[in-house]
Amino acid sequence: MKKLLVLVFVTLISTSVFSTNENPNKKEIRAKIVTLLGSPNFTIDNEVKTIVEFTLNNKGEIVILNVNCEKTQICDYIKRKLNYKKVYNSLNQSSSGVYRIPLTIKNK
């Protein structure tokens, strides 16, 4: 009985090791997006809040679906800086989904 319990325990541990998630989590993606955006080269009167909707393709690249903001200059800036930029080496097809990240852009 003791050997059976040890065998079950070892099996559970080994399957959890092999089932680790190799896909990035939301915090990693957000940190990469902030790095990619950098500082805008234009002035902003007030801070602008926006929501960026995107998905990740199987190459690990950001594909922008929608940028919800009022100023077209800021929308274009976000799309230009993020669209098809690599944030991860590769992804499983099962990890695809729509991500929504709120962003605040302001002058430094």
Protein backbone atom coordinates (compact mmCIF):
# COMPACT_ATOMS: atom_id res chain seq x y z
CA MET A 1 0.00 0.00 0.00
CA LYS A 2 2.83 2.37 0.84
CA LYS A 3 4.46 1.71 -2.54
CA LEU A 4 1.17 2.42 -4.29
CA LEU A 5 0.86 5.79 -2.54
CA VAL A 6 4.45 6.68 -3.44
CA LEU A 7 3.80 5.70 -7.06
CA VAL A 8 0.65 7.84 -7.22
CA PHE A 9 2.48 10.78 -5.64
CA VAL A 10 5.40 10.52 -8.08
CA THR A 11 2.99 10.28 -11.01
CA LEU A 12 1.12 13.39 -9.91
CA ILE A 13 4.31 15.38 -9.48
CA SER A 14 5.75 14.29 -12.81
CA THR A 15 2.58 15.18 -14.73
CA SER A 16 2.47 18.61 -13.13
CA VAL A 17 6.08 19.23 -14.15
CA PHE A 18 5.36 18.35 -17.77
CA SER A 19 2.16 20.37 -17.88
CA THR A 20 3.76 23.68 -16.98
CA ASN A 21 2.40 26.58 -18.95
CA GLU A 22 4.96 27.91 -21.41
CA ASN A 23 2.73 30.77 -22.47
CA PRO A 24 3.24 34.26 -21.08
CA ASN A 25 0.95 35.51 -18.38
CA LYS A 26 -0.87 38.83 -18.52
CA LYS A 27 1.70 40.66 -16.39
CA GLU A 28 4.53 39.63 -18.72
CA ILE A 29 2.55 40.73 -21.76
CA ARG A 30 1.67 44.07 -20.16
CA ALA A 31 5.31 44.72 -19.21
CA LYS A 32 6.41 43.99 -22.77
CA ILE A 33 3.71 46.30 -24.17
CA VAL A 34 4.81 49.15 -21.91
CA THR A 35 8.40 48.61 -23.06
CA LEU A 36 7.39 48.55 -26.73
CA LEU A 37 5.32 51.72 -26.43
CA GLY A 38 8.06 53.75 -24.80
CA SER A 39 7.50 57.50 -24.63
CA PRO A 40 5.50 59.19 -27.38
CA ASN A 41 7.35 61.76 -29.47
CA PHE A 42 4.43 64.18 -29.35
CA THR A 43 2.93 66.21 -26.54
CA ILE A 44 -0.28 65.27 -24.81
CA ASP A 45 -2.44 67.91 -23.15
CA ASN A 46 -3.94 65.63 -20.51
CA GLU A 47 -3.40 62.01 -19.71
CA VAL A 48 -5.28 59.77 -22.12
CA LYS A 49 -6.86 56.52 -21.01
CA THR A 50 -7.49 53.84 -23.58
CA ILE A 51 -8.26 50.15 -23.81
CA VAL A 52 -6.29 48.08 -26.29
CA GLU A 53 -7.85 44.85 -27.52
CA PHE A 54 -5.48 42.37 -29.11
CA THR A 55 -4.73 38.73 -29.64
CA LEU A 56 -1.50 36.80 -29.97
CA ASN A 57 -0.83 34.81 -33.12
CA ASN A 58 0.98 31.47 -33.17
CA LYS A 59 4.31 33.28 -33.71
CA GLY A 60 3.89 35.12 -30.40
CA GLU A 61 3.17 38.47 -32.07
CA ILE A 62 0.61 41.04 -30.96
CA VAL A 63 -2.23 41.53 -33.42
CA ILE A 64 -4.16 44.70 -32.59
CA LEU A 65 -7.93 44.29 -32.91
CA ASN A 66 -9.14 47.59 -31.51
CA VAL A 67 -7.81 50.68 -29.78
CA ASN A 68 -10.54 52.53 -27.92
CA CYS A 69 -9.47 56.17 -27.73
CA GLU A 70 -10.69 59.54 -28.96
CA LYS A 71 -7.50 60.93 -30.50
CA THR A 72 -6.49 59.32 -33.79
CA GLN A 73 -2.86 60.34 -33.28
CA ILE A 74 -2.67 58.22 -30.13
CA CYS A 75 -4.54 55.30 -31.73
CA ASP A 76 -2.14 55.34 -34.68
CA TYR A 77 0.86 55.55 -32.35
CA ILE A 78 -0.28 52.51 -30.36
CA LYS A 79 -1.03 50.49 -33.50
CA ARG A 80 2.29 51.41 -35.11
CA LYS A 81 4.29 50.54 -32.00
CA LEU A 82 2.53 47.28 -31.11
CA ASN A 83 1.03 45.62 -34.19
CA TYR A 84 2.92 42.44 -35.16
CA LYS A 85 5.63 42.99 -32.55
CA LYS A 86 6.91 39.80 -31.00
CA VAL A 87 6.26 39.40 -27.29
CA TYR A 88 6.89 35.68 -26.96
CA ASN A 89 8.78 33.02 -28.92
CA SER A 90 5.85 30.80 -29.85
CA LEU A 91 2.42 29.97 -28.53
CA ASN A 92 0.12 27.00 -28.51
CA GLN A 93 -2.95 27.41 -30.68
CA SER A 94 -5.08 26.76 -27.59
CA SER A 95 -3.72 29.89 -25.90
CA SER A 96 -5.25 32.25 -28.42
CA GLY A 97 -7.84 34.63 -27.06
CA VAL A 98 -8.70 38.30 -26.93
CA TYR A 99 -6.82 40.36 -24.37
CA ARG A 100 -7.96 43.77 -23.15
CA ILE A 101 -5.39 45.98 -21.49
CA PRO A 102 -6.17 49.44 -20.12
CA LEU A 103 -3.40 51.95 -20.83
CA THR A 104 -2.81 55.47 -19.58
CA ILE A 105 -0.58 57.67 -21.71
CA LYS A 106 0.71 60.87 -20.16
CA ASN A 107 3.53 63.36 -20.51
CA LYS A 108 6.56 62.81 -18.35
